[in-house]
Amino acid sequence: CFDSATEVCRVVDPTASPAAALAACFGGVGTDASGVAKRVPMAALVSGDLVLGAASHVARVLVNQHKENRKAAAMVTIEYKGGAISVTPDHVLLLDDGTHLPARAVEPGATL
């Protein structure tokens, strides 16, 4: 689960490469006029949307289970070199060593 202000890179052109989507969403402007990809709120996602899952991977949204849930949840904010992300304490994160860790257990110095 993510904070309501969290944005994701929605890939508009299914033939676009992950690199093109990354540049369109995070290349400094924030929105893309070329129709390749654009940043949207997580709540705007629907099943079937394509999103940038990593710098080199596009993934399909299967379900957005919390889209209609307006209840407040406790959040953990993890700051990193490029910014910050706010997720629920039980949100599972993948560490660089291949292990998984709930957000509440992330400690300074961890590499995600």
PDB file of N, CA and C in Angstrom:
ATOM      1  N   CYS A   1       0.835  -1.185   0.000  1.00  0.00           N
ATOM      2  CA  CYS A   1       0.000   0.000   0.000  1.00  0.00           C
ATOM      3  C   CYS A   1       0.875   1.242   0.000  1.00  0.00           C
ATOM      4  N   PHE A   2       0.445   2.238  -0.716  1.00  0.00           N
ATOM      5  CA  PHE A   2       1.202   3.466  -0.860  1.00  0.00           C
ATOM      6  C   PHE A   2       0.413   4.648  -0.334  1.00  0.00           C
ATOM      7  N   ASP A   3       1.118   5.709  -0.037  1.00  0.00           N
ATOM      8  CA  ASP A   3       0.517   6.981   0.340  1.00  0.00           C
ATOM      9  C   ASP A   3      -0.348   7.475  -0.821  1.00  0.00           C
ATOM     10  N   SER A   4      -1.422   8.206  -0.528  1.00  0.00           N
ATOM     11  CA  SER A   4      -2.332   8.663  -1.580  1.00  0.00           C
ATOM     12  C   SER A   4      -1.666   9.616  -2.575  1.00  0.00           C
ATOM     13  N   ALA A   5      -0.567  10.235  -2.196  1.00  0.00           N
ATOM     14  CA  ALA A   5       0.129  11.158  -3.093  1.00  0.00           C
ATOM     15  C   ALA A   5       1.163  10.460  -3.982  1.00  0.00           C
ATOM     16  N   THR A   6       1.370   9.160  -3.783  1.00  0.00           N
ATOM     17  CA  THR A   6       2.384   8.439  -4.553  1.00  0.00           C
ATOM     18  C   THR A   6       1.978   8.332  -6.017  1.00  0.00           C
ATOM     19  N   GLU A   7       2.916   8.629  -6.889  1.00  0.00           N
ATOM     20  CA  GLU A   7       2.686   8.529  -8.323  1.00  0.00           C
ATOM     21  C   GLU A   7       3.462   7.366  -8.904  1.00  0.00           C
ATOM     22  N   VAL A   8       2.993   6.876 -10.024  1.00  0.00           N
ATOM     23  CA  VAL A   8       3.615   5.765 -10.726  1.00  0.00           C
ATOM     24  C   VAL A   8       3.743   6.159 -12.194  1.00  0.00           C
ATOM     25  N   CYS A   9       4.648   5.522 -12.892  1.00  0.00           N
ATOM     26  CA  CYS A   9       4.840   5.790 -14.309  1.00  0.00           C
ATOM     27  C   CYS A   9       3.959   4.826 -15.111  1.00  0.00           C
ATOM     28  N   ARG A  10       2.842   5.349 -15.659  1.00  0.00           N
ATOM     29  CA  ARG A  10       1.951   4.529 -16.492  1.00  0.00           C
ATOM     30  C   ARG A  10       2.462   4.587 -17.923  1.00  0.00           C
ATOM     31  N   VAL A  11       2.702   3.431 -18.513  1.00  0.00           N
ATOM     32  CA  VAL A  11       3.193   3.343 -19.890  1.00  0.00           C
ATOM     33  C   VAL A  11       1.982   3.403 -20.818  1.00  0.00           C
ATOM     34  N   VAL A  12       1.924   4.433 -21.637  1.00  0.00           N
ATOM     35  CA  VAL A  12       0.795   4.657 -22.538  1.00  0.00           C
ATOM     36  C   VAL A  12       0.982   3.890 -23.845  1.00  0.00           C
ATOM     37  N   ASP A  13       2.208   3.830 -24.328  1.00  0.00           N
ATOM     38  CA  ASP A  13       2.520   3.140 -25.583  1.00  0.00           C
ATOM     39  C   ASP A  13       3.080   1.755 -25.248  1.00  0.00           C
ATOM     40  N   PRO A  14       2.324   0.689 -25.497  1.00  0.00           N
ATOM     41  CA  PRO A  14       2.788  -0.652 -25.139  1.00  0.00           C
ATOM     42  C   PRO A  14       4.043  -1.105 -25.876  1.00  0.00           C
ATOM     43  N   THR A  15       4.422  -0.403 -26.935  1.00  0.00           N
ATOM     44  CA  THR A  15       5.646  -0.769 -27.659  1.00  0.00           C
ATOM     45  C   THR A  15       6.866  -0.016 -27.135  1.00  0.00           C
ATOM     46  N   ALA A  16       6.650   0.897 -26.188  1.00  0.00           N
ATOM     47  CA  ALA A  16       7.757   1.705 -25.652  1.00  0.00           C
ATOM     48  C   ALA A  16       8.684   0.851 -24.789  1.00  0.00           C
ATOM     49  N   SER A  17       9.951   1.151 -24.861  1.00  0.00           N
ATOM     50  CA  SER A  17      10.929   0.451 -24.024  1.00  0.00           C
ATOM     51  C   SER A  17      10.864   0.995 -22.603  1.00  0.00           C
ATOM     52  N   PRO A  18      11.301   0.209 -21.612  1.00  0.00           N
ATOM     53  CA  PRO A  18      11.371   0.722 -20.247  1.00  0.00           C
ATOM     54  C   PRO A  18      12.216   1.995 -20.153  1.00  0.00           C
ATOM     55  N   ALA A  19      13.304   2.072 -20.908  1.00  0.00           N
ATOM     56  CA  ALA A  19      14.165   3.257 -20.879  1.00  0.00           C
ATOM     57  C   ALA A  19      13.413   4.495 -21.370  1.00  0.00           C
ATOM     58  N   ALA A  20      12.604   4.340 -22.411  1.00  0.00           N
ATOM     59  CA  ALA A  20      11.824   5.466 -22.935  1.00  0.00           C
ATOM     60  C   ALA A  20      10.775   5.907 -21.922  1.00  0.00           C
ATOM     61  N   ALA A  21      10.141   4.944 -21.255  1.00  0.00           N
ATOM     62  CA  ALA A  21       9.143   5.279 -20.232  1.00  0.00           C
ATOM     63  C   ALA A  21       9.802   5.981 -19.055  1.00  0.00           C
ATOM     64  N   LEU A  22      10.950   5.500 -18.638  1.00  0.00           N
ATOM     65  CA  LEU A  22      11.682   6.115 -17.532  1.00  0.00           C
ATOM     66  C   LEU A  22      12.023   7.565 -17.859  1.00  0.00           C
ATOM     67  N   ALA A  23      12.517   7.799 -19.059  1.00  0.00           N
ATOM     68  CA  ALA A  23      12.865   9.158 -19.472  1.00  0.00           C
ATOM     69  C   ALA A  23      11.624  10.046 -19.544  1.00  0.00           C
ATOM     70  N   ALA A  24      10.523   9.493 -20.030  1.00  0.00           N
ATOM     71  CA  ALA A  24       9.288  10.274 -20.149  1.00  0.00           C
ATOM     72  C   ALA A  24       8.744  10.676 -18.788  1.00  0.00           C
ATOM     73  N   CYS A  25       8.797   9.764 -17.825  1.00  0.00           N
ATOM     74  CA  CYS A  25       8.221  10.036 -16.508  1.00  0.00           C
ATOM     75  C   CYS A  25       9.157  10.765 -15.562  1.00  0.00           C
ATOM     76  N   PHE A  26      10.438  10.474 -15.642  1.00  0.00           N
ATOM     77  CA  PHE A  26      11.358  10.994 -14.643  1.00  0.00           C
ATOM     78  C   PHE A  26      12.546  11.738 -15.248  1.00  0.00           C
ATOM     79  N   GLY A  27      12.413  12.154 -16.483  1.00  0.00           N
ATOM     80  CA  GLY A  27      13.499  12.850 -17.155  1.00  0.00           C
ATOM     81  C   GLY A  27      13.616  14.318 -16.810  1.00  0.00           C
ATOM     82  N   GLY A  28      12.916  14.744 -15.776  1.00  0.00           N
ATOM     83  CA  GLY A  28      13.046  16.124 -15.340  1.00  0.00           C
ATOM     84  C   GLY A  28      11.794  16.953 -15.503  1.00  0.00           C
ATOM     85  N   VAL A  29      10.967  16.627 -16.481  1.00  0.00           N
ATOM     86  CA  VAL A  29       9.764  17.418 -16.725  1.00  0.00           C
ATOM     87  C   VAL A  29       8.590  16.903 -15.906  1.00  0.00           C
ATOM     88  N   GLY A  30       8.423  15.595 -15.786  1.00  0.00           N
ATOM     89  CA  GLY A  30       7.353  15.015 -14.986  1.00  0.00           C
ATOM     90  C   GLY A  30       6.173  14.526 -15.789  1.00  0.00           C
ATOM     91  N   THR A  31       5.957  15.076 -16.956  1.00  0.00           N
ATOM     92  CA  THR A  31       4.909  14.584 -17.835  1.00  0.00           C
ATOM     93  C   THR A  31       5.494  14.456 -19.228  1.00  0.00           C
ATOM     94  N   ASP A  32       4.898  13.622 -20.031  1.00  0.00           N
ATOM     95  CA  ASP A  32       5.447  13.348 -21.352  1.00  0.00           C
ATOM     96  C   ASP A  32       4.468  13.770 -22.432  1.00  0.00           C
ATOM     97  N   ALA A  33       4.896  14.632 -23.311  1.00  0.00           N
ATOM     98  CA  ALA A  33       4.052  15.104 -24.409  1.00  0.00           C
ATOM     99  C   ALA A  33       4.054  14.134 -25.582  1.00  0.00           C
ATOM    100  N   SER A  34       4.969  13.158 -25.598  1.00  0.00           N
ATOM    101  CA  SER A  34       5.080  12.262 -26.745  1.00  0.00           C
ATOM    102  C   SER A  34       4.096  11.096 -26.697  1.00  0.00           C
ATOM    103  N   GLY A  35       3.431  10.891 -25.587  1.00  0.00           N
ATOM    104  CA  GLY A  35       2.489   9.783 -25.478  1.00  0.00           C
ATOM    105  C   GLY A  35       3.122   8.459 -25.132  1.00  0.00           C
ATOM    106  N   VAL A  36       4.378   8.459 -24.705  1.00  0.00           N
ATOM    107  CA  VAL A  36       5.060   7.218 -24.333  1.00  0.00           C
ATOM    108  C   VAL A  36       4.625   6.766 -22.940  1.00  0.00           C
ATOM    109  N   ALA A  37       4.690   7.679 -21.970  1.00  0.00           N
ATOM    110  CA  ALA A  37       4.370   7.351 -20.580  1.00  0.00           C
ATOM    111  C   ALA A  37       4.111   8.638 -19.815  1.00  0.00           C
ATOM    112  N   LYS A  38       3.406   8.522 -18.685  1.00  0.00           N
ATOM    113  CA  LYS A  38       3.176   9.696 -17.847  1.00  0.00           C
ATOM    114  C   LYS A  38       3.001   9.274 -16.398  1.00  0.00           C
ATOM    115  N   ARG A  39       3.345  10.184 -15.492  1.00  0.00           N
ATOM    116  CA  ARG A  39       3.161   9.918 -14.071  1.00  0.00           C
ATOM    117  C   ARG A  39       1.701  10.166 -13.719  1.00  0.00           C
ATOM    118  N   VAL A  40       1.129   9.219 -12.969  1.00  0.00           N
ATOM    119  CA  VAL A  40      -0.258   9.323 -12.516  1.00  0.00           C
ATOM    120  C   VAL A  40      -0.328   8.861 -11.060  1.00  0.00           C
ATOM    121  N   PRO A  41      -1.361   9.287 -10.316  1.00  0.00           N
ATOM    122  CA  PRO A  41      -1.528   8.783  -8.947  1.00  0.00           C
ATOM    123  C   PRO A  41      -1.798   7.274  -8.956  1.00  0.00           C
ATOM    124  N   MET A  42      -1.328   6.582  -7.933  1.00  0.00           N
ATOM    125  CA  MET A  42      -1.566   5.139  -7.830  1.00  0.00           C
ATOM    126  C   MET A  42      -3.056   4.820  -7.932  1.00  0.00           C
ATOM    127  N   ALA A  43      -3.896   5.673  -7.345  1.00  0.00           N
ATOM    128  CA  ALA A  43      -5.343   5.434  -7.347  1.00  0.00           C
ATOM    129  C   ALA A  43      -5.940   5.474  -8.749  1.00  0.00           C
ATOM    130  N   ALA A  44      -5.220   6.031  -9.717  1.00  0.00           N
ATOM    131  CA  ALA A  44      -5.734   6.119 -11.085  1.00  0.00           C
ATOM    132  C   ALA A  44      -5.535   4.816 -11.861  1.00  0.00           C
ATOM    133  N   LEU A  45      -4.752   3.889 -11.316  1.00  0.00           N
ATOM    134  CA  LEU A  45      -4.470   2.642 -12.029  1.00  0.00           C
ATOM    135  C   LEU A  45      -5.676   1.707 -12.037  1.00  0.00           C
ATOM    136  N   VAL A  46      -5.810   0.982 -13.136  1.00  0.00           N
ATOM    137  CA  VAL A  46      -6.844  -0.043 -13.254  1.00  0.00           C
ATOM    138  C   VAL A  46      -6.200  -1.315 -13.800  1.00  0.00           C
ATOM    139  N   SER A  47      -6.877  -2.426 -13.625  1.00  0.00           N
ATOM    140  CA  SER A  47      -6.375  -3.697 -14.143  1.00  0.00           C
ATOM    141  C   SER A  47      -6.088  -3.576 -15.631  1.00  0.00           C
ATOM    142  N   GLY A  48      -4.943  -4.081 -16.037  1.00  0.00           N
ATOM    143  CA  GLY A  48      -4.547  -4.040 -17.433  1.00  0.00           C
ATOM    144  C   GLY A  48      -3.584  -2.923 -17.770  1.00  0.00           C
ATOM    145  N   ASP A  49      -3.505  -1.885 -16.925  1.00  0.00           N
ATOM    146  CA  ASP A  49      -2.547  -0.810 -17.176  1.00  0.00           C
ATOM    147  C   ASP A  49      -1.129  -1.358 -17.179  1.00  0.00           C
ATOM    148  N   LEU A  50      -0.267  -0.735 -17.951  1.00  0.00           N
ATOM    149  CA  LEU A  50       1.156  -1.051 -17.941  1.00  0.00           C
ATOM    150  C   LEU A  50       1.862   0.019 -17.123  1.00  0.00           C
ATOM    151  N   VAL A  51       2.761  -0.415 -16.231  1.00  0.00           N
ATOM    152  CA  VAL A  51       3.509   0.524 -15.397  1.00  0.00           C
ATOM    153  C   VAL A  51       4.989   0.166 -15.424  1.00  0.00           C
ATOM    154  N   LEU A  52       5.801   1.178 -15.168  1.00  0.00           N
ATOM    155  CA  LEU A  52       7.235   0.948 -15.061  1.00  0.00           C
ATOM    156  C   LEU A  52       7.476   0.349 -13.687  1.00  0.00           C
ATOM    157  N   GLY A  53       7.842  -0.932 -13.636  1.00  0.00           N
ATOM    158  CA  GLY A  53       8.060  -1.617 -12.372  1.00  0.00           C
ATOM    159  C   GLY A  53       9.472  -1.447 -11.850  1.00  0.00           C
ATOM    160  N   ALA A  54      10.393  -1.180 -12.740  1.00  0.00           N
ATOM    161  CA  ALA A  54      11.808  -0.936 -12.428  1.00  0.00           C
ATOM    162  C   ALA A  54      12.383  -0.230 -13.644  1.00  0.00           C
ATOM    163  N   ALA A  55      13.606   0.239 -13.529  1.00  0.00           N
ATOM    164  CA  ALA A  55      14.218   0.981 -14.636  1.00  0.00           C
ATOM    165  C   ALA A  55      14.291   0.165 -15.923  1.00  0.00           C
ATOM    166  N   SER A  56      14.263  -1.150 -15.799  1.00  0.00           N
ATOM    167  CA  SER A  56      14.387  -1.998 -16.991  1.00  0.00           C
ATOM    168  C   SER A  56      13.223  -2.967 -17.171  1.00  0.00           C
ATOM    169  N   HIS A  57      12.072  -2.661 -16.537  1.00  0.00           N
ATOM    170  CA  HIS A  57      10.967  -3.627 -16.576  1.00  0.00           C
ATOM    171  C   HIS A  57       9.609  -2.928 -16.585  1.00  0.00           C
ATOM    172  N   VAL A  58       8.753  -3.316 -17.521  1.00  0.00           N
ATOM    173  CA  VAL A  58       7.370  -2.855 -17.563  1.00  0.00           C
ATOM    174  C   VAL A  58       6.496  -4.009 -17.092  1.00  0.00           C
ATOM    175  N   ALA A  59       5.535  -3.719 -16.210  1.00  0.00           N
ATOM    176  CA  ALA A  59       4.656  -4.748 -15.663  1.00  0.00           C
ATOM    177  C   ALA A  59       3.199  -4.378 -15.898  1.00  0.00           C
ATOM    178  N   ARG A  60       2.337  -5.369 -15.922  1.00  0.00           N
ATOM    179  CA  ARG A  60       0.901  -5.153 -16.080  1.00  0.00           C
ATOM    180  C   ARG A  60       0.232  -5.160 -14.709  1.00  0.00           C
ATOM    181  N   VAL A  61      -0.657  -4.197 -14.476  1.00  0.00           N
ATOM    182  CA  VAL A  61      -1.416  -4.133 -13.224  1.00  0.00           C
ATOM    183  C   VAL A  61      -2.474  -5.231 -13.262  1.00  0.00           C
ATOM    184  N   LEU A  62      -2.475  -6.070 -12.237  1.00  0.00           N
ATOM    185  CA  LEU A  62      -3.478  -7.128 -12.143  1.00  0.00           C
ATOM    186  C   LEU A  62      -4.713  -6.647 -11.391  1.00  0.00           C
ATOM    187  N   VAL A  63      -4.476  -5.951 -10.284  1.00  0.00           N
ATOM    188  CA  VAL A  63      -5.586  -5.442  -9.475  1.00  0.00           C
ATOM    189  C   VAL A  63      -5.075  -4.259  -8.665  1.00  0.00           C
ATOM    190  N   ASN A  64      -5.942  -3.302  -8.416  1.00  0.00           N
ATOM    191  CA  ASN A  64      -5.619  -2.173  -7.548  1.00  0.00           C
ATOM    192  C   ASN A  64      -6.591  -2.276  -6.376  1.00  0.00           C
ATOM    193  N   GLN A  65      -6.287  -3.164  -5.451  1.00  0.00           N
ATOM    194  CA  GLN A  65      -7.248  -3.543  -4.421  1.00  0.00           C
ATOM    195  C   GLN A  65      -7.622  -2.433  -3.452  1.00  0.00           C
ATOM    196  N   HIS A  66      -6.808  -1.433  -3.283  1.00  0.00           N
ATOM    197  CA  HIS A  66      -7.121  -0.376  -2.320  1.00  0.00           C
ATOM    198  C   HIS A  66      -7.640   0.899  -2.990  1.00  0.00           C
ATOM    199  N   LYS A  67      -7.939   0.834  -4.256  1.00  0.00           N
ATOM    200  CA  LYS A  67      -8.347   2.013  -5.005  1.00  0.00           C
ATOM    201  C   LYS A  67      -9.542   2.716  -4.372  1.00  0.00           C
ATOM    202  N   GLU A  68     -10.546   1.977  -3.955  1.00  0.00           N
ATOM    203  CA  GLU A  68     -11.762   2.574  -3.408  1.00  0.00           C
ATOM    204  C   GLU A  68     -11.716   2.727  -1.897  1.00  0.00           C
ATOM    205  N   ASN A  69     -10.704   2.210  -1.253  1.00  0.00           N
ATOM    206  CA  ASN A  69     -10.597   2.289   0.207  1.00  0.00           C
ATOM    207  C   ASN A  69     -10.073   3.661   0.596  1.00  0.00           C
ATOM    208  N   ARG A  70     -10.856   4.401   1.343  1.00  0.00           N
ATOM    209  CA  ARG A  70     -10.473   5.756   1.749  1.00  0.00           C
ATOM    210  C   ARG A  70     -10.048   5.821   3.216  1.00  0.00           C
ATOM    211  N   LYS A  71      -9.901   4.671   3.849  1.00  0.00           N
ATOM    212  CA  LYS A  71      -9.487   4.661   5.248  1.00  0.00           C
ATOM    213  C   LYS A  71      -8.016   5.043   5.365  1.00  0.00           C
ATOM    214  N   ALA A  72      -7.695   5.729   6.438  1.00  0.00           N
ATOM    215  CA  ALA A  72      -6.303   6.109   6.685  1.00  0.00           C
ATOM    216  C   ALA A  72      -5.555   4.919   7.278  1.00  0.00           C
ATOM    217  N   ALA A  73      -4.324   4.767   6.883  1.00  0.00           N
ATOM    218  CA  ALA A  73      -3.478   3.691   7.405  1.00  0.00           C
ATOM    219  C   ALA A  73      -2.167   4.308   7.878  1.00  0.00           C
ATOM    220  N   ALA A  74      -1.560   3.663   8.845  1.00  0.00           N
ATOM    221  CA  ALA A  74      -0.230   4.101   9.292  1.00  0.00           C
ATOM    222  C   ALA A  74       0.737   3.939   8.126  1.00  0.00           C
ATOM    223  N   MET A  75       1.648   4.880   7.987  1.00  0.00           N
ATOM    224  CA  MET A  75       2.600   4.843   6.892  1.00  0.00           C
ATOM    225  C   MET A  75       4.021   4.928   7.428  1.00  0.00           C
ATOM    226  N   VAL A  76       4.946   4.345   6.684  1.00  0.00           N
ATOM    227  CA  VAL A  76       6.371   4.432   6.960  1.00  0.00           C
ATOM    228  C   VAL A  76       6.982   5.160   5.771  1.00  0.00           C
ATOM    229  N   THR A  77       7.755   6.195   6.028  1.00  0.00           N
ATOM    230  CA  THR A  77       8.422   6.912   4.942  1.00  0.00           C
ATOM    231  C   THR A  77       9.895   6.530   4.934  1.00  0.00           C
ATOM    232  N   ILE A  78      10.335   6.052   3.787  1.00  0.00           N
ATOM    233  CA  ILE A  78      11.730   5.646   3.612  1.00  0.00           C
ATOM    234  C   ILE A  78      12.382   6.654   2.681  1.00  0.00           C
ATOM    235  N   GLU A  79      13.394   7.326   3.191  1.00  0.00           N
ATOM    236  CA  GLU A  79      14.114   8.309   2.383  1.00  0.00           C
ATOM    237  C   GLU A  79      15.306   7.629   1.721  1.00  0.00           C
ATOM    238  N   TYR A  80      15.572   8.028   0.498  1.00  0.00           N
ATOM    239  CA  TYR A  80      16.705   7.488  -0.249  1.00  0.00           C
ATOM    240  C   TYR A  80      17.333   8.616  -1.047  1.00  0.00           C
ATOM    241  N   LYS A  81      18.420   8.318  -1.699  1.00  0.00           N
ATOM    242  CA  LYS A  81      19.191   9.338  -2.416  1.00  0.00           C
ATOM    243  C   LYS A  81      18.340  10.141  -3.393  1.00  0.00           C
ATOM    244  N   GLY A  82      17.406   9.497  -4.071  1.00  0.00           N
ATOM    245  CA  GLY A  82      16.598  10.164  -5.084  1.00  0.00           C
ATOM    246  C   GLY A  82      15.287  10.730  -4.599  1.00  0.00           C
ATOM    247  N   GLY A  83      14.967  10.606  -3.307  1.00  0.00           N
ATOM    248  CA  GLY A  83      13.696  11.122  -2.799  1.00  0.00           C
ATOM    249  C   GLY A  83      13.212  10.341  -1.603  1.00  0.00           C
ATOM    250  N   ALA A  84      11.927  10.027  -1.597  1.00  0.00           N
ATOM    251  CA  ALA A  84      11.327   9.275  -0.492  1.00  0.00           C
ATOM    252  C   ALA A  84      10.101   8.534  -1.001  1.00  0.00           C
ATOM    253  N   ILE A  85       9.743   7.461  -0.307  1.00  0.00           N
ATOM    254  CA  ILE A  85       8.543   6.698  -0.624  1.00  0.00           C
ATOM    255  C   ILE A  85       7.818   6.417   0.685  1.00  0.00           C
ATOM    256  N   SER A  86       6.504   6.564   0.678  1.00  0.00           N
ATOM    257  CA  SER A  86       5.694   6.264   1.861  1.00  0.00           C
ATOM    258  C   SER A  86       4.832   5.056   1.560  1.00  0.00           C
ATOM    259  N   VAL A  87       4.960   4.026   2.391  1.00  0.00           N
ATOM    260  CA  VAL A  87       4.230   2.775   2.219  1.00  0.00           C
ATOM    261  C   VAL A  87       3.732   2.304   3.581  1.00  0.00           C
ATOM    262  N   THR A  88       2.841   1.314   3.585  1.00  0.00           N
ATOM    263  CA  THR A  88       2.394   0.757   4.858  1.00  0.00           C
ATOM    264  C   THR A  88       3.540  -0.038   5.479  1.00  0.00           C
ATOM    265  N   PRO A  89       3.527  -0.197   6.797  1.00  0.00           N
ATOM    266  CA  PRO A  89       4.618  -0.926   7.459  1.00  0.00           C
ATOM    267  C   PRO A  89       4.793  -2.363   6.957  1.00  0.00           C
ATOM    268  N   ASP A  90       3.728  -3.002   6.487  1.00  0.00           N
ATOM    269  CA  ASP A  90       3.816  -4.379   6.015  1.00  0.00           C
ATOM    270  C   ASP A  90       4.148  -4.506   4.534  1.00  0.00           C
ATOM    271  N   HIS A  91       4.309  -3.382   3.844  1.00  0.00           N
ATOM    272  CA  HIS A  91       4.647  -3.428   2.422  1.00  0.00           C
ATOM    273  C   HIS A  91       5.996  -4.131   2.265  1.00  0.00           C
ATOM    274  N   VAL A  92       6.050  -5.127   1.416  1.00  0.00           N
ATOM    275  CA  VAL A  92       7.273  -5.913   1.233  1.00  0.00           C
ATOM    276  C   VAL A  92       8.182  -5.236   0.210  1.00  0.00           C
ATOM    277  N   LEU A  93       9.443  -5.081   0.588  1.00  0.00           N
ATOM    278  CA  LEU A  93      10.443  -4.468  -0.276  1.00  0.00           C
ATOM    279  C   LEU A  93      11.514  -5.499  -0.620  1.00  0.00           C
ATOM    280  N   LEU A  94      12.044  -5.414  -1.814  1.00  0.00           N
ATOM    281  CA  LEU A  94      13.107  -6.309  -2.262  1.00  0.00           C
ATOM    282  C   LEU A  94      14.445  -5.632  -2.040  1.00  0.00           C
ATOM    283  N   LEU A  95      15.314  -6.288  -1.295  1.00  0.00           N
ATOM    284  CA  LEU A  95      16.658  -5.770  -1.057  1.00  0.00           C
ATOM    285  C   LEU A  95      17.582  -6.194  -2.198  1.00  0.00           C
ATOM    286  N   ASP A  96      18.697  -5.492  -2.348  1.00  0.00           N
ATOM    287  CA  ASP A  96      19.650  -5.807  -3.412  1.00  0.00           C
ATOM    288  C   ASP A  96      20.202  -7.226  -3.324  1.00  0.00           C
ATOM    289  N   ASP A  97      20.218  -7.786  -2.120  1.00  0.00           N
ATOM    290  CA  ASP A  97      20.756  -9.146  -1.970  1.00  0.00           C
ATOM    291  C   ASP A  97      19.733 -10.223  -2.308  1.00  0.00           C
ATOM    292  N   GLY A  98      18.531  -9.807  -2.772  1.00  0.00           N
ATOM    293  CA  GLY A  98      17.503 -10.766  -3.172  1.00  0.00           C
ATOM    294  C   GLY A  98      16.539 -11.158  -2.072  1.00  0.00           C
ATOM    295  N   THR A  99      16.759 -10.693  -0.860  1.00  0.00           N
ATOM    296  CA  THR A  99      15.843 -11.002   0.235  1.00  0.00           C
ATOM    297  C   THR A  99      14.713  -9.976   0.274  1.00  0.00           C
ATOM    298  N   HIS A 100      13.641 -10.334   0.953  1.00  0.00           N
ATOM    299  CA  HIS A 100      12.488  -9.451   1.106  1.00  0.00           C
ATOM    300  C   HIS A 100      12.384  -9.010   2.558  1.00  0.00           C
ATOM    301  N   LEU A 101      11.876  -7.794   2.755  1.00  0.00           N
ATOM    302  CA  LEU A 101      11.809  -7.221   4.092  1.00  0.00           C
ATOM    303  C   LEU A 101      10.581  -6.315   4.174  1.00  0.00           C
ATOM    304  N   PRO A 102       9.802  -6.395   5.278  1.00  0.00           N
ATOM    305  CA  PRO A 102       8.707  -5.440   5.424  1.00  0.00           C
ATOM    306  C   PRO A 102       9.274  -4.041   5.643  1.00  0.00           C
ATOM    307  N   ALA A 103       8.574  -3.036   5.160  1.00  0.00           N
ATOM    308  CA  ALA A 103       9.058  -1.655   5.246  1.00  0.00           C
ATOM    309  C   ALA A 103       9.384  -1.245   6.674  1.00  0.00           C
ATOM    310  N   ARG A 104       8.628  -1.749   7.645  1.00  0.00           N
ATOM    311  CA  ARG A 104       8.864  -1.368   9.043  1.00  0.00           C
ATOM    312  C   ARG A 104      10.234  -1.824   9.542  1.00  0.00           C
ATOM    313  N   ALA A 105      10.854  -2.789   8.865  1.00  0.00           N
ATOM    314  CA  ALA A 105      12.129  -3.330   9.310  1.00  0.00           C
ATOM    315  C   ALA A 105      13.328  -2.745   8.562  1.00  0.00           C
ATOM    316  N   VAL A 106      13.082  -1.866   7.621  1.00  0.00           N
ATOM    317  CA  VAL A 106      14.186  -1.264   6.872  1.00  0.00           C
ATOM    318  C   VAL A 106      14.987  -0.352   7.791  1.00  0.00           C
ATOM    319  N   GLU A 107      16.297  -0.514   7.775  1.00  0.00           N
ATOM    320  CA  GLU A 107      17.180   0.281   8.618  1.00  0.00           C
ATOM    321  C   GLU A 107      18.087   1.144   7.756  1.00  0.00           C
ATOM    322  N   PRO A 108      18.608   2.236   8.309  1.00  0.00           N
ATOM    323  CA  PRO A 108      19.540   3.079   7.557  1.00  0.00           C
ATOM    324  C   PRO A 108      20.695   2.241   7.006  1.00  0.00           C
ATOM    325  N   GLY A 109      21.027   2.495   5.758  1.00  0.00           N
ATOM    326  CA  GLY A 109      22.107   1.759   5.110  1.00  0.00           C
ATOM    327  C   GLY A 109      21.634   0.597   4.259  1.00  0.00           C
ATOM    328  N   ALA A 110      20.349   0.215   4.399  1.00  0.00           N
ATOM    329  CA  ALA A 110      19.822  -0.873   3.584  1.00  0.00           C
ATOM    330  C   ALA A 110      19.827  -0.449   2.123  1.00  0.00           C
ATOM    331  N   THR A 111      20.087  -1.385   1.233  1.00  0.00           N
ATOM    332  CA  THR A 111      20.109  -1.111  -0.201  1.00  0.00           C
ATOM    333  C   THR A 111      18.931  -1.824  -0.832  1.00  0.00           C
ATOM    334  N   LEU A 112      17.995  -1.037  -1.367  1.00  0.00           N
ATOM    335  CA  LEU A 112      16.802  -1.613  -1.969  1.00  0.00           C
ATOM    336  C   LEU A 112      16.968  -1.760  -3.457  1.00  0.00           C
TER     337      LEU A 112
END
